C-alpha atoms as a PDB file:
ATOM      1  CA  UNK A   1     123.880  87.823  81.884  1.00  0.00           C
ATOM      2  CA  UNK A   2     123.445  86.041  85.092  1.00  0.00           C
ATOM      3  CA  UNK A   3     121.219  82.961  85.160  1.00  0.00           C
ATOM      4  CA  UNK A   4     119.487  81.234  87.972  1.00  0.00           C
ATOM      5  CA  UNK A   5     116.621  78.712  88.457  1.00  0.00           C
ATOM      6  CA  UNK A   6     113.226  80.100  89.211  1.00  0.00           C
ATOM      7  CA  UNK A   7     113.263  78.574  92.776  1.00  0.00           C
ATOM      8  CA  UNK A   8     116.549  80.366  93.596  1.00  0.00           C
ATOM      9  CA  UNK A   9     115.173  83.680  92.269  1.00  0.00           C
ATOM     10  CA  UNK A  10     112.196  83.288  94.280  1.00  0.00           C
ATOM     11  CA  UNK A  11     114.246  82.642  97.379  1.00  0.00           C
ATOM     12  CA  UNK A  12     116.144  85.697  96.607  1.00  0.00           C
ATOM     13  CA  UNK A  13     112.925  87.687  96.429  1.00  0.00           C
ATOM     14  CA  UNK A  14     111.589  86.246  99.616  1.00  0.00           C
ATOM     15  CA  UNK A  15     114.952  87.172 101.390  1.00  0.00           C
ATOM     16  CA  UNK A  16     114.806  90.685 100.108  1.00  0.00           C
ATOM     17  CA  UNK A  17     111.127  90.961 101.362  1.00  0.00           C
ATOM     18  CA  UNK A  18     112.222  89.667 104.808  1.00  0.00           C
ATOM     19  CA  UNK A  19     115.196  92.116 104.885  1.00  0.00           C
ATOM     20  CA  UNK A  20     112.923  95.215 104.699  1.00  0.00           C
ATOM     21  CA  UNK A  21     111.990  97.164 107.726  1.00  0.00           C
ATOM     22  CA  UNK A  22     108.975  95.549 109.629  1.00  0.00           C
ATOM     23  CA  UNK A  23     107.238  98.896 109.521  1.00  0.00           C
ATOM     24  CA  UNK A  24     107.098  98.702 105.684  1.00  0.00           C
ATOM     25  CA  UNK A  25     105.697  95.248 105.416  1.00  0.00           C
ATOM     26  CA  UNK A  26     103.157  95.049 108.460  1.00  0.00           C
ATOM     27  CA  UNK A  27     101.196  98.046 107.148  1.00  0.00           C
ATOM     28  CA  UNK A  28     100.843  96.730 103.558  1.00  0.00           C
ATOM     29  CA  UNK A  29      97.135  95.882 102.861  1.00  0.00           C
ATOM     30  CA  UNK A  30      95.606  93.583 100.444  1.00  0.00           C
ATOM     31  CA  UNK A  31      98.816  93.195  98.157  1.00  0.00           C
ATOM     32  CA  UNK A  32     100.362  90.126  96.481  1.00  0.00           C
ATOM     33  CA  UNK A  33     104.071  90.043  95.449  1.00  0.00           C
ATOM     34  CA  UNK A  34     104.712  87.663  92.513  1.00  0.00           C
ATOM     35  CA  UNK A  35     107.619  86.755  90.253  1.00  0.00           C
ATOM     36  CA  UNK A  36     107.237  86.488  86.431  1.00  0.00           C
ATOM     37  CA  UNK A  37     109.696  86.172  83.608  1.00  0.00           C
ATOM     38  CA  UNK A  38     108.782  89.300  81.721  1.00  0.00           C
ATOM     39  CA  UNK A  39     105.896  91.676  81.477  1.00  0.00           C
ATOM     40  CA  UNK A  40     102.870  90.166  79.903  1.00  0.00           C
ATOM     41  CA  UNK A  41     101.453  91.452  76.560  1.00  0.00           C
ATOM     42  CA  UNK A  42      98.464  92.772  78.451  1.00  0.00           C
ATOM     43  CA  UNK A  43     100.846  94.712  80.958  1.00  0.00           C
ATOM     44  CA  UNK A  44     102.783  96.046  78.100  1.00  0.00           C
ATOM     45  CA  UNK A  45      99.781  97.386  76.421  1.00  0.00           C
ATOM     46  CA  UNK A  46      98.013  98.820  79.627  1.00  0.00           C
ATOM     47  CA  UNK A  47     101.026 100.786  80.537  1.00  0.00           C
ATOM     48  CA  UNK A  48     102.266 101.653  76.893  1.00  0.00           C
ATOM     49  CA  UNK A  49     105.527  99.936  77.082  1.00  0.00           C
ATOM     50  CA  UNK A  50     107.351  99.345  73.820  1.00  0.00           C
ATOM     51  CA  UNK A  51     109.481  96.244  73.048  1.00  0.00           C
ATOM     52  CA  UNK A  52     112.664  98.018  74.193  1.00  0.00           C
ATOM     53  CA  UNK A  53     111.351  99.099  77.639  1.00  0.00           C
ATOM     54  CA  UNK A  54     113.204  97.345  80.286  1.00  0.00           C
ATOM     55  CA  UNK A  55     111.055  96.886  83.371  1.00  0.00           C
ATOM     56  CA  UNK A  56     112.179  95.268  86.565  1.00  0.00           C
ATOM     57  CA  UNK A  57     108.960  95.564  88.575  1.00  0.00           C
ATOM     58  CA  UNK A  58     105.342  96.569  88.421  1.00  0.00           C
ATOM     59  CA  UNK A  59     102.822  97.735  90.848  1.00  0.00           C
ATOM     60  CA  UNK A  60      99.102  97.411  89.741  1.00  0.00           C
ATOM     61  CA  UNK A  61      96.525  98.424  92.174  1.00  0.00           C
ATOM     62  CA  UNK A  62      95.047 101.125  94.323  1.00  0.00           C
ATOM     63  CA  UNK A  63      97.631 102.897  96.460  1.00  0.00           C
ATOM     64  CA  UNK A  64      96.886 103.092 100.163  1.00  0.00           C
ATOM     65  CA  UNK A  65      96.471 106.871 100.087  1.00  0.00           C
ATOM     66  CA  UNK A  66      93.834 106.570  97.445  1.00  0.00           C
ATOM     67  CA  UNK A  67      91.715 104.009  99.296  1.00  0.00           C
ATOM     68  CA  UNK A  68      88.450 105.259 100.689  1.00  0.00           C
ATOM     69  CA  UNK A  69      86.116 104.033 103.361  1.00  0.00           C
ATOM     70  CA  UNK A  70      84.316 102.225 100.396  1.00  0.00           C
ATOM     71  CA  UNK A  71      87.445 100.034  99.673  1.00  0.00           C
ATOM     72  CA  UNK A  72      86.310  96.495  99.982  1.00  0.00           C
ATOM     73  CA  UNK A  73      85.832  93.362  98.091  1.00  0.00           C
ATOM     74  CA  UNK A  74      88.472  94.329  95.512  1.00  0.00           C
ATOM     75  CA  UNK A  75      91.111  91.856  94.309  1.00  0.00           C
ATOM     76  CA  UNK A  76      94.589  92.293  95.862  1.00  0.00           C
ATOM     77  CA  UNK A  77      97.019  94.929  94.465  1.00  0.00           C
ATOM     78  CA  UNK A  78      99.793  93.192  92.686  1.00  0.00           C
ATOM     79  CA  UNK A  79     103.531  93.590  92.762  1.00  0.00           C
ATOM     80  CA  UNK A  80     105.246  91.863  89.902  1.00  0.00           C
ATOM     81  CA  UNK A  81     108.968  91.298  89.862  1.00  0.00           C
ATOM     82  CA  UNK A  82     110.372  90.463  86.411  1.00  0.00           C
ATOM     83  CA  UNK A  83     113.195  87.708  86.553  1.00  0.00           C
ATOM     84  CA  UNK A  84     114.544  87.922  83.156  1.00  0.00           C
ATOM     85  CA  UNK A  85     115.339  91.668  82.931  1.00  0.00           C
ATOM     86  CA  UNK A  86     116.831  91.751  86.397  1.00  0.00           C
ATOM     87  CA  UNK A  87     118.990  88.726  85.590  1.00  0.00           C
ATOM     88  CA  UNK A  88     120.055  90.502  82.201  1.00  0.00           C
ATOM     89  CA  UNK A  89     121.200  93.500  84.175  1.00  0.00           C
ATOM     90  CA  UNK A  90     123.043  91.888  87.011  1.00  0.00           C
ATOM     91  CA  UNK A  91     126.783  91.453  87.024  1.00  0.00           C
ATOM     92  CA  UNK A  92     126.849  89.113  89.961  1.00  0.00           C
ATOM     93  CA  UNK A  93     124.667  87.288  92.566  1.00  0.00           C
ATOM     94  CA  UNK A  94     125.156  90.203  94.929  1.00  0.00           C
ATOM     95  CA  UNK A  95     124.290  92.690  92.375  1.00  0.00           C
ATOM     96  CA  UNK A  96     121.195  90.669  91.498  1.00  0.00           C
ATOM     97  CA  UNK A  97     120.218  90.527  95.197  1.00  0.00           C
ATOM     98  CA  UNK A  98     120.586  94.352  95.429  1.00  0.00           C
ATOM     99  CA  UNK A  99     118.594  94.917  92.409  1.00  0.00           C
ATOM    100  CA  UNK A 100     115.738  92.652  93.536  1.00  0.00           C
ATOM    101  CA  UNK A 101     115.652  94.516  96.919  1.00  0.00           C
ATOM    102  CA  UNK A 102     115.526  97.773  95.279  1.00  0.00           C
ATOM    103  CA  UNK A 103     112.845  96.737  92.956  1.00  0.00           C
ATOM    104  CA  UNK A 104     110.685  95.345  95.604  1.00  0.00           C
ATOM    105  CA  UNK A 105     111.222  98.613  97.695  1.00  0.00           C
ATOM    106  CA  UNK A 106     110.388 100.699  94.849  1.00  0.00           C
ATOM    107  CA  UNK A 107     107.118  98.868  94.093  1.00  0.00           C
ATOM    108  CA  UNK A 108     105.994  98.757  97.797  1.00  0.00           C
ATOM    109  CA  UNK A 109     106.667 102.573  97.681  1.00  0.00           C
ATOM    110  CA  UNK A 110     104.139 102.912  94.852  1.00  0.00           C
ATOM    111  CA  UNK A 111     101.721 100.859  96.960  1.00  0.00           C
ATOM    112  CA  UNK A 112     102.012 103.357  99.688  1.00  0.00           C
ATOM    113  CA  UNK A 113     101.224 106.110  97.132  1.00  0.00           C
ATOM    114  CA  UNK A 114     104.865 107.447  96.383  1.00  0.00           C
ATOM    115  CA  UNK A 115     105.444 108.781  92.868  1.00  0.00           C
ATOM    116  CA  UNK A 116     108.798 108.212  91.037  1.00  0.00           C
ATOM    117  CA  UNK A 117     110.083 111.595  92.093  1.00  0.00           C
ATOM    118  CA  UNK A 118     109.656 111.040  95.855  1.00  0.00           C
ATOM    119  CA  UNK A 119     110.962 107.380  95.384  1.00  0.00           C
ATOM    120  CA  UNK A 120     114.222 108.650  93.738  1.00  0.00           C
ATOM    121  CA  UNK A 121     114.531 111.250  96.235  1.00  0.00           C
ATOM    122  CA  UNK A 122     114.495 108.707  99.153  1.00  0.00           C
ATOM    123  CA  UNK A 123     116.677 106.211  97.382  1.00  0.00           C
ATOM    124  CA  UNK A 124     119.336 108.934  97.097  1.00  0.00           C
ATOM    125  CA  UNK A 125     119.393 109.815 100.789  1.00  0.00           C
END
């Protein structure tokens, strides 16, 4: 298990966001990206996650393709990146950087309305 300080992890997450293509980031609307150690009990219950489920990231919100003209005055969508599971799975700092970047991209893809099948298809291209 790789262990790094919160600040360093947040810097890696920020660098991963900065490395994504501008088209992906500039079209994101009303979304916050945060880092937490692990999914909260509320998140685990809401998404029916058991104690053994490993979760690197989570998108909570209304995908862009499902927003109507009435979409206003709503709290931001939230992408949470989970530090502890990512560190537990990483073999090196480079591996952690890659996992963080892939996780952020994956959750942003959900923000755009892509489902897991489409995301996995794109990841394997």
